[in-house]
PDB file of N, CA and C in Angstrom:
ATOM      1  N   UNK A   1      20.859 -39.982  -0.675  1.00  0.00           N
ATOM      2  CA  UNK A   1      22.282 -39.088  -0.696  1.00  0.00           C
ATOM      3  C   UNK A   1      22.494 -38.459   0.994  1.00  0.00           C
ATOM      4  N   UNK A   2      21.803 -37.749   1.154  1.00  0.00           N
ATOM      5  CA  UNK A   2      22.009 -37.328   2.515  1.00  0.00           C
ATOM      6  C   UNK A   2      22.118 -38.143   3.198  1.00  0.00           C
ATOM      7  N   UNK A   3      21.586 -39.470   3.051  1.00  0.00           N
ATOM      8  CA  UNK A   3      21.810 -39.953   4.109  1.00  0.00           C
ATOM      9  C   UNK A   3      23.242 -41.037   4.330  1.00  0.00           C
ATOM     10  N   UNK A   4      23.273 -41.213   3.066  1.00  0.00           N
ATOM     11  CA  UNK A   4      24.809 -41.256   3.230  1.00  0.00           C
ATOM     12  C   UNK A   4      25.945 -41.298   3.360  1.00  0.00           C
ATOM     13  N   UNK A   5      26.306 -39.684   2.908  1.00  0.00           N
ATOM     14  CA  UNK A   5      26.873 -39.080   3.340  1.00  0.00           C
ATOM     15  C   UNK A   5      26.766 -38.916   5.259  1.00  0.00           C
ATOM     16  N   UNK A   6      25.598 -38.831   5.631  1.00  0.00           N
ATOM     17  CA  UNK A   6      25.881 -38.959   6.989  1.00  0.00           C
ATOM     18  C   UNK A   6      26.110 -40.056   7.719  1.00  0.00           C
ATOM     19  N   UNK A   7      26.455 -41.029   7.208  1.00  0.00           N
ATOM     20  CA  UNK A   7      26.660 -42.704   7.393  1.00  0.00           C
ATOM     21  C   UNK A   7      28.357 -42.113   7.442  1.00  0.00           C
ATOM     22  N   UNK A   8      29.059 -41.483   6.255  1.00  0.00           N
ATOM     23  CA  UNK A   8      30.729 -41.948   6.228  1.00  0.00           C
ATOM     24  C   UNK A   8      31.427 -41.132   7.984  1.00  0.00           C
ATOM     25  N   UNK A   9      32.099 -41.658   8.467  1.00  0.00           N
ATOM     26  CA  UNK A   9      32.846 -41.969   9.391  1.00  0.00           C
ATOM     27  C   UNK A   9      33.884 -41.317   9.304  1.00  0.00           C
ATOM     28  N   UNK A  10      34.574 -40.492   8.629  1.00  0.00           N
ATOM     29  CA  UNK A  10      36.168 -40.275   8.695  1.00  0.00           C
ATOM     30  C   UNK A  10      37.197 -41.127   8.735  1.00  0.00           C
ATOM     31  N   UNK A  11      37.287 -40.673  10.333  1.00  0.00           N
ATOM     32  CA  UNK A  11      37.590 -41.798  11.382  1.00  0.00           C
ATOM     33  C   UNK A  11      38.075 -42.860  11.480  1.00  0.00           C
ATOM     34  N   UNK A  12      36.249 -43.508  11.304  1.00  0.00           N
ATOM     35  CA  UNK A  12      36.045 -44.740  11.151  1.00  0.00           C
ATOM     36  C   UNK A  12      37.156 -45.077  10.171  1.00  0.00           C
ATOM     37  N   UNK A  13      36.895 -44.498   8.950  1.00  0.00           N
ATOM     38  CA  UNK A  13      37.251 -44.795   7.512  1.00  0.00           C
ATOM     39  C   UNK A  13      38.806 -45.140   7.630  1.00  0.00           C
ATOM     40  N   UNK A  14      39.787 -44.058   8.337  1.00  0.00           N
ATOM     41  CA  UNK A  14      40.900 -43.626   7.991  1.00  0.00           C
ATOM     42  C   UNK A  14      41.921 -45.425   8.722  1.00  0.00           C
ATOM     43  N   UNK A  15      40.704 -44.846  10.407  1.00  0.00           N
ATOM     44  CA  UNK A  15      41.301 -46.367  11.536  1.00  0.00           C
ATOM     45  C   UNK A  15      41.572 -47.604  10.542  1.00  0.00           C
ATOM     46  N   UNK A  16      40.358 -48.189  10.040  1.00  0.00           N
ATOM     47  CA  UNK A  16      40.518 -49.325   9.266  1.00  0.00           C
ATOM     48  C   UNK A  16      41.459 -49.141   8.232  1.00  0.00           C
ATOM     49  N   UNK A  17      40.897 -48.407   6.899  1.00  0.00           N
ATOM     50  CA  UNK A  17      42.192 -48.236   6.078  1.00  0.00           C
ATOM     51  C   UNK A  17      43.937 -48.648   6.401  1.00  0.00           C
ATOM     52  N   UNK A  18      44.535 -47.620   7.693  1.00  0.00           N
ATOM     53  CA  UNK A  18      45.434 -47.640   7.850  1.00  0.00           C
ATOM     54  C   UNK A  18      45.761 -48.840   8.931  1.00  0.00           C
ATOM     55  N   UNK A  19      45.237 -49.670   9.352  1.00  0.00           N
ATOM     56  CA  UNK A  19      45.331 -50.875  10.099  1.00  0.00           C
ATOM     57  C   UNK A  19      45.302 -51.849   8.539  1.00  0.00           C
ATOM     58  N   UNK A  20      44.321 -52.000   7.832  1.00  0.00           N
ATOM     59  CA  UNK A  20      44.780 -52.493   6.886  1.00  0.00           C
ATOM     60  C   UNK A  20      45.777 -52.343   6.086  1.00  0.00           C
ATOM     61  N   UNK A  21      46.450 -51.412   5.866  1.00  0.00           N
ATOM     62  CA  UNK A  21      47.418 -50.664   5.364  1.00  0.00           C
ATOM     63  C   UNK A  21      48.217 -50.180   5.542  1.00  0.00           C
ATOM     64  N   UNK A  22      49.410 -51.060   7.016  1.00  0.00           N
ATOM     65  CA  UNK A  22      50.130 -49.607   7.503  1.00  0.00           C
ATOM     66  C   UNK A  22      51.098 -49.038   6.941  1.00  0.00           C
ATOM     67  N   UNK A  23      51.735 -49.533   5.850  1.00  0.00           N
ATOM     68  CA  UNK A  23      52.811 -48.690   4.938  1.00  0.00           C
ATOM     69  C   UNK A  23      52.375 -47.572   4.192  1.00  0.00           C
ATOM     70  N   UNK A  24      52.998 -46.781   3.471  1.00  0.00           N
ATOM     71  CA  UNK A  24      52.535 -45.698   2.711  1.00  0.00           C
ATOM     72  C   UNK A  24      51.579 -45.902   1.338  1.00  0.00           C
ATOM     73  N   UNK A  25      51.326 -47.204   1.141  1.00  0.00           N
ATOM     74  CA  UNK A  25      50.357 -47.574   0.312  1.00  0.00           C
ATOM     75  C   UNK A  25      48.399 -47.287   0.783  1.00  0.00           C
ATOM     76  N   UNK A  26      48.612 -47.281   2.626  1.00  0.00           N
ATOM     77  CA  UNK A  26      47.652 -46.553   2.865  1.00  0.00           C
ATOM     78  C   UNK A  26      47.286 -45.338   2.904  1.00  0.00           C
ATOM     79  N   UNK A  27      48.579 -44.389   2.715  1.00  0.00           N
ATOM     80  CA  UNK A  27      48.042 -42.885   2.618  1.00  0.00           C
ATOM     81  C   UNK A  27      48.294 -42.590   1.093  1.00  0.00           C
ATOM     82  N   UNK A  28      47.822 -43.188   0.192  1.00  0.00           N
ATOM     83  CA  UNK A  28      48.634 -43.799  -1.610  1.00  0.00           C
ATOM     84  C   UNK A  28      46.628 -44.167  -2.115  1.00  0.00           C
ATOM     85  N   UNK A  29      47.062 -44.200  -3.040  1.00  0.00           N
ATOM     86  CA  UNK A  29      45.860 -44.273  -3.922  1.00  0.00           C
ATOM     87  C   UNK A  29      46.018 -46.158  -3.778  1.00  0.00           C
ATOM     88  N   UNK A  30      44.812 -47.027  -3.287  1.00  0.00           N
ATOM     89  CA  UNK A  30      45.232 -48.002  -2.756  1.00  0.00           C
ATOM     90  C   UNK A  30      44.892 -48.803  -4.965  1.00  0.00           C
ATOM     91  N   UNK A  31      46.480 -49.986  -4.873  1.00  0.00           N
ATOM     92  CA  UNK A  31      45.853 -50.885  -5.601  1.00  0.00           C
ATOM     93  C   UNK A  31      47.541 -50.407  -6.348  1.00  0.00           C
ATOM     94  N   UNK A  32      47.773 -49.353  -6.137  1.00  0.00           N
ATOM     95  CA  UNK A  32      49.662 -48.517  -6.537  1.00  0.00           C
ATOM     96  C   UNK A  32      50.433 -49.450  -5.986  1.00  0.00           C
ATOM     97  N   UNK A  33      51.299 -49.666  -6.637  1.00  0.00           N
ATOM     98  CA  UNK A  33      52.635 -50.169  -6.123  1.00  0.00           C
ATOM     99  C   UNK A  33      53.240 -49.299  -4.750  1.00  0.00           C
ATOM    100  N   UNK A  34      53.800 -49.876  -4.009  1.00  0.00           N
ATOM    101  CA  UNK A  34      54.614 -48.703  -2.950  1.00  0.00           C
ATOM    102  C   UNK A  34      55.926 -48.292  -3.578  1.00  0.00           C
ATOM    103  N   UNK A  35      56.486 -48.916  -4.589  1.00  0.00           N
ATOM    104  CA  UNK A  35      57.756 -48.117  -5.347  1.00  0.00           C
ATOM    105  C   UNK A  35      56.553 -46.164  -5.959  1.00  0.00           C
ATOM    106  N   UNK A  36      55.578 -46.684  -6.501  1.00  0.00           N
ATOM    107  CA  UNK A  36      54.909 -45.946  -6.821  1.00  0.00           C
ATOM    108  C   UNK A  36      54.337 -44.196  -6.711  1.00  0.00           C
ATOM    109  N   UNK A  37      53.620 -45.286  -5.212  1.00  0.00           N
ATOM    110  CA  UNK A  37      53.357 -44.341  -3.760  1.00  0.00           C
ATOM    111  C   UNK A  37      54.646 -43.096  -3.548  1.00  0.00           C
ATOM    112  N   UNK A  38      55.356 -43.902  -3.442  1.00  0.00           N
ATOM    113  CA  UNK A  38      56.406 -43.326  -3.077  1.00  0.00           C
ATOM    114  C   UNK A  38      56.670 -42.222  -3.755  1.00  0.00           C
ATOM    115  N   UNK A  39      57.341 -42.730  -5.080  1.00  0.00           N
ATOM    116  CA  UNK A  39      57.708 -41.814  -6.282  1.00  0.00           C
ATOM    117  C   UNK A  39      56.361 -40.747  -5.955  1.00  0.00           C
ATOM    118  N   UNK A  40      55.363 -40.732  -6.492  1.00  0.00           N
ATOM    119  CA  UNK A  40      53.900 -39.614  -6.171  1.00  0.00           C
ATOM    120  C   UNK A  40      54.869 -38.693  -4.970  1.00  0.00           C
ATOM    121  N   UNK A  41      55.166 -39.086  -4.042  1.00  0.00           N
ATOM    122  CA  UNK A  41      55.450 -38.782  -2.257  1.00  0.00           C
ATOM    123  C   UNK A  41      56.771 -37.398  -2.970  1.00  0.00           C
ATOM    124  N   UNK A  42      57.681 -38.112  -3.112  1.00  0.00           N
ATOM    125  CA  UNK A  42      58.735 -37.140  -3.523  1.00  0.00           C
ATOM    126  C   UNK A  42      58.543 -36.776  -4.576  1.00  0.00           C
ATOM    127  N   UNK A  43      57.393 -36.710  -5.687  1.00  0.00           N
ATOM    128  CA  UNK A  43      57.457 -35.555  -6.478  1.00  0.00           C
ATOM    129  C   UNK A  43      56.321 -34.387  -5.655  1.00  0.00           C
ATOM    130  N   UNK A  44      55.625 -34.837  -5.020  1.00  0.00           N
ATOM    131  CA  UNK A  44      55.072 -33.676  -3.800  1.00  0.00           C
ATOM    132  C   UNK A  44      56.145 -32.701  -2.863  1.00  0.00           C
ATOM    133  N   UNK A  45      56.728 -33.624  -2.680  1.00  0.00           N
ATOM    134  CA  UNK A  45      57.757 -32.841  -1.473  1.00  0.00           C
ATOM    135  C   UNK A  45      58.943 -31.803  -2.300  1.00  0.00           C
ATOM    136  N   UNK A  46      58.927 -32.892  -3.760  1.00  0.00           N
ATOM    137  CA  UNK A  46      59.958 -31.675  -4.324  1.00  0.00           C
ATOM    138  C   UNK A  46      59.368 -30.077  -4.582  1.00  0.00           C
ATOM    139  N   UNK A  47      57.831 -30.349  -4.845  1.00  0.00           N
ATOM    140  CA  UNK A  47      56.895 -29.277  -5.504  1.00  0.00           C
ATOM    141  C   UNK A  47      56.731 -28.438  -4.255  1.00  0.00           C
ATOM    142  N   UNK A  48      56.996 -29.182  -2.783  1.00  0.00           N
ATOM    143  CA  UNK A  48      56.473 -28.053  -1.863  1.00  0.00           C
ATOM    144  C   UNK A  48      57.890 -27.689  -1.526  1.00  0.00           C
ATOM    145  N   UNK A  49      59.170 -28.007  -1.700  1.00  0.00           N
ATOM    146  CA  UNK A  49      60.471 -27.232  -1.728  1.00  0.00           C
ATOM    147  C   UNK A  49      60.306 -25.898  -2.206  1.00  0.00           C
ATOM    148  N   UNK A  50      59.761 -26.170  -3.978  1.00  0.00           N
ATOM    149  CA  UNK A  50      60.427 -25.267  -4.640  1.00  0.00           C
ATOM    150  C   UNK A  50      59.402 -23.931  -5.040  1.00  0.00           C
ATOM    151  N   UNK A  51      57.933 -24.137  -3.808  1.00  0.00           N
ATOM    152  CA  UNK A  51      57.235 -23.261  -3.142  1.00  0.00           C
ATOM    153  C   UNK A  51      57.785 -22.545  -2.157  1.00  0.00           C
ATOM    154  N   UNK A  52      58.203 -23.747  -1.187  1.00  0.00           N
ATOM    155  CA  UNK A  52      58.710 -22.840  -0.381  1.00  0.00           C
ATOM    156  C   UNK A  52      60.510 -21.950  -0.855  1.00  0.00           C
ATOM    157  N   UNK A  53      61.192 -22.471  -1.904  1.00  0.00           N
ATOM    158  CA  UNK A  53      61.806 -21.651  -1.691  1.00  0.00           C
ATOM    159  C   UNK A  53      61.439 -20.243  -2.613  1.00  0.00           C
ATOM    160  N   UNK A  54      60.667 -20.038  -3.650  1.00  0.00           N
ATOM    161  CA  UNK A  54      59.530 -19.433  -4.800  1.00  0.00           C
ATOM    162  C   UNK A  54      59.361 -17.812  -3.385  1.00  0.00           C
ATOM    163  N   UNK A  55      58.775 -18.319  -2.270  1.00  0.00           N
ATOM    164  CA  UNK A  55      58.529 -17.553  -1.030  1.00  0.00           C
ATOM    165  C   UNK A  55      59.604 -17.439  -0.236  1.00  0.00           C
ATOM    166  N   UNK A  56      60.776 -17.635  -0.605  1.00  0.00           N
ATOM    167  CA  UNK A  56      61.265 -16.994   0.434  1.00  0.00           C
ATOM    168  C   UNK A  56      61.537 -17.784   2.062  1.00  0.00           C
ATOM    169  N   UNK A  57      61.249 -19.120   2.087  1.00  0.00           N
ATOM    170  CA  UNK A  57      60.793 -19.447   3.234  1.00  0.00           C
ATOM    171  C   UNK A  57      61.637 -21.011   3.147  1.00  0.00           C
ATOM    172  N   UNK A  58      63.159 -20.425   3.106  1.00  0.00           N
ATOM    173  CA  UNK A  58      63.994 -21.630   2.917  1.00  0.00           C
ATOM    174  C   UNK A  58      64.384 -21.898   4.722  1.00  0.00           C
ATOM    175  N   UNK A  59      64.536 -20.946   5.614  1.00  0.00           N
ATOM    176  CA  UNK A  59      64.923 -21.286   6.606  1.00  0.00           C
ATOM    177  C   UNK A  59      63.564 -21.454   7.377  1.00  0.00           C
ATOM    178  N   UNK A  60      63.222 -22.202   8.164  1.00  0.00           N
ATOM    179  CA  UNK A  60      62.429 -22.441   9.001  1.00  0.00           C
ATOM    180  C   UNK A  60      62.153 -22.776  10.222  1.00  0.00           C
ATOM    181  N   UNK A  61      63.316 -22.060  10.610  1.00  0.00           N
ATOM    182  CA  UNK A  61      63.727 -22.488  12.169  1.00  0.00           C
ATOM    183  C   UNK A  61      63.139 -21.504  12.979  1.00  0.00           C
ATOM    184  N   UNK A  62      62.357 -22.142  13.807  1.00  0.00           N
ATOM    185  CA  UNK A  62      61.097 -21.264  14.888  1.00  0.00           C
ATOM    186  C   UNK A  62      59.845 -21.546  14.372  1.00  0.00           C
ATOM    187  N   UNK A  63      59.725 -21.995  13.508  1.00  0.00           N
ATOM    188  CA  UNK A  63      58.242 -21.888  12.952  1.00  0.00           C
ATOM    189  C   UNK A  63      57.925 -23.313  12.846  1.00  0.00           C
ATOM    190  N   UNK A  64      56.188 -23.360  13.128  1.00  0.00           N
ATOM    191  CA  UNK A  64      55.424 -24.312  13.473  1.00  0.00           C
ATOM    192  C   UNK A  64      54.852 -24.668  11.919  1.00  0.00           C
ATOM    193  N   UNK A  65      54.326 -25.889  12.039  1.00  0.00           N
ATOM    194  CA  UNK A  65      53.580 -26.691  11.002  1.00  0.00           C
ATOM    195  C   UNK A  65      52.236 -27.762  11.434  1.00  0.00           C
ATOM    196  N   UNK A  66      51.111 -26.940  11.264  1.00  0.00           N
ATOM    197  CA  UNK A  66      50.238 -27.952  11.871  1.00  0.00           C
ATOM    198  C   UNK A  66      49.908 -29.356  10.646  1.00  0.00           C
ATOM    199  N   UNK A  67      50.051 -30.319  10.921  1.00  0.00           N
ATOM    200  CA  UNK A  67      49.793 -31.360   9.849  1.00  0.00           C
ATOM    201  C   UNK A  67      48.198 -32.159  10.510  1.00  0.00           C
ATOM    202  N   UNK A  68      47.320 -31.965   9.982  1.00  0.00           N
ATOM    203  CA  UNK A  68      46.069 -32.823  10.163  1.00  0.00           C
ATOM    204  C   UNK A  68      45.787 -34.063   9.367  1.00  0.00           C
ATOM    205  N   UNK A  69      45.575 -35.079  10.161  1.00  0.00           N
ATOM    206  CA  UNK A  69      45.591 -36.167   8.969  1.00  0.00           C
ATOM    207  C   UNK A  69      46.956 -36.343   8.823  1.00  0.00           C
ATOM    208  N   UNK A  70      47.599 -36.684   9.698  1.00  0.00           N
ATOM    209  CA  UNK A  70      49.390 -36.844   9.507  1.00  0.00           C
ATOM    210  C   UNK A  70      49.177 -38.451   8.890  1.00  0.00           C
ATOM    211  N   UNK A  71      48.335 -39.609   9.324  1.00  0.00           N
ATOM    212  CA  UNK A  71      48.311 -40.589   8.392  1.00  0.00           C
ATOM    213  C   UNK A  71      49.829 -41.609   9.111  1.00  0.00           C
ATOM    214  N   UNK A  72      50.734 -41.960   8.585  1.00  0.00           N
ATOM    215  CA  UNK A  72      51.962 -42.431   8.733  1.00  0.00           C
ATOM    216  C   UNK A  72      52.877 -41.660   9.294  1.00  0.00           C
ATOM    217  N   UNK A  73      52.824 -40.701   8.962  1.00  0.00           N
ATOM    218  CA  UNK A  73      53.586 -39.314   9.086  1.00  0.00           C
ATOM    219  C   UNK A  73      54.866 -39.069   8.210  1.00  0.00           C
ATOM    220  N   UNK A  74      54.411 -39.317   7.018  1.00  0.00           N
ATOM    221  CA  UNK A  74      55.394 -38.995   6.015  1.00  0.00           C
ATOM    222  C   UNK A  74      56.054 -37.535   6.001  1.00  0.00           C
ATOM    223  N   UNK A  75      55.200 -36.628   5.706  1.00  0.00           N
ATOM    224  CA  UNK A  75      55.199 -34.730   5.947  1.00  0.00           C
ATOM    225  C   UNK A  75      56.526 -35.023   7.343  1.00  0.00           C
ATOM    226  N   UNK A  76      56.136 -35.861   8.145  1.00  0.00           N
ATOM    227  CA  UNK A  76      56.949 -35.390   9.576  1.00  0.00           C
ATOM    228  C   UNK A  76      58.265 -34.918   9.438  1.00  0.00           C
ATOM    229  N   UNK A  77      58.789 -36.009   9.095  1.00  0.00           N
ATOM    230  CA  UNK A  77      60.335 -36.343   8.740  1.00  0.00           C
ATOM    231  C   UNK A  77      60.333 -34.993   7.595  1.00  0.00           C
ATOM    232  N   UNK A  78      60.164 -34.938   6.764  1.00  0.00           N
ATOM    233  CA  UNK A  78      60.202 -33.815   5.431  1.00  0.00           C
ATOM    234  C   UNK A  78      60.704 -32.749   6.524  1.00  0.00           C
ATOM    235  N   UNK A  79      59.615 -31.762   7.355  1.00  0.00           N
ATOM    236  CA  UNK A  79      59.120 -30.584   8.136  1.00  0.00           C
ATOM    237  C   UNK A  79      60.435 -30.329   9.252  1.00  0.00           C
ATOM    238  N   UNK A  80      60.382 -32.095   9.850  1.00  0.00           N
ATOM    239  CA  UNK A  80      61.818 -31.904  10.754  1.00  0.00           C
ATOM    240  C   UNK A  80      63.343 -31.233   9.618  1.00  0.00           C
ATOM    241  N   UNK A  81      63.292 -31.671   8.628  1.00  0.00           N
ATOM    242  CA  UNK A  81      64.240 -31.757   8.005  1.00  0.00           C
ATOM    243  C   UNK A  81      64.361 -30.211   7.668  1.00  0.00           C
ATOM    244  N   UNK A  82      62.843 -29.698   7.426  1.00  0.00           N
ATOM    245  CA  UNK A  82      63.341 -28.301   6.919  1.00  0.00           C
ATOM    246  C   UNK A  82      63.457 -27.404   8.448  1.00  0.00           C
ATOM    247  N   UNK A  83      63.750 -27.674   9.892  1.00  0.00           N
ATOM    248  CA  UNK A  83      63.524 -27.039  10.620  1.00  0.00           C
ATOM    249  C   UNK A  83      62.848 -26.378  11.360  1.00  0.00           C
TER     250      UNK A  83
END
């Protein structure tokens, strides 16, 4: 088992996956329709907005966000919209 884990290369995995699926399906569950994956991301964004409001973080002007493994950049637009 340890040998298999050592062979896994996450960078190569995501490069191949995103080359094969350069749209939203590449960062969602493979095999699901793009509309379903878009719906999942809409729900996730809504949940993040609820959490931001709960903690009083409605104005994010001047703050930074670190997006690690940003895939196709779904969250980049979200954070730009929030300052």
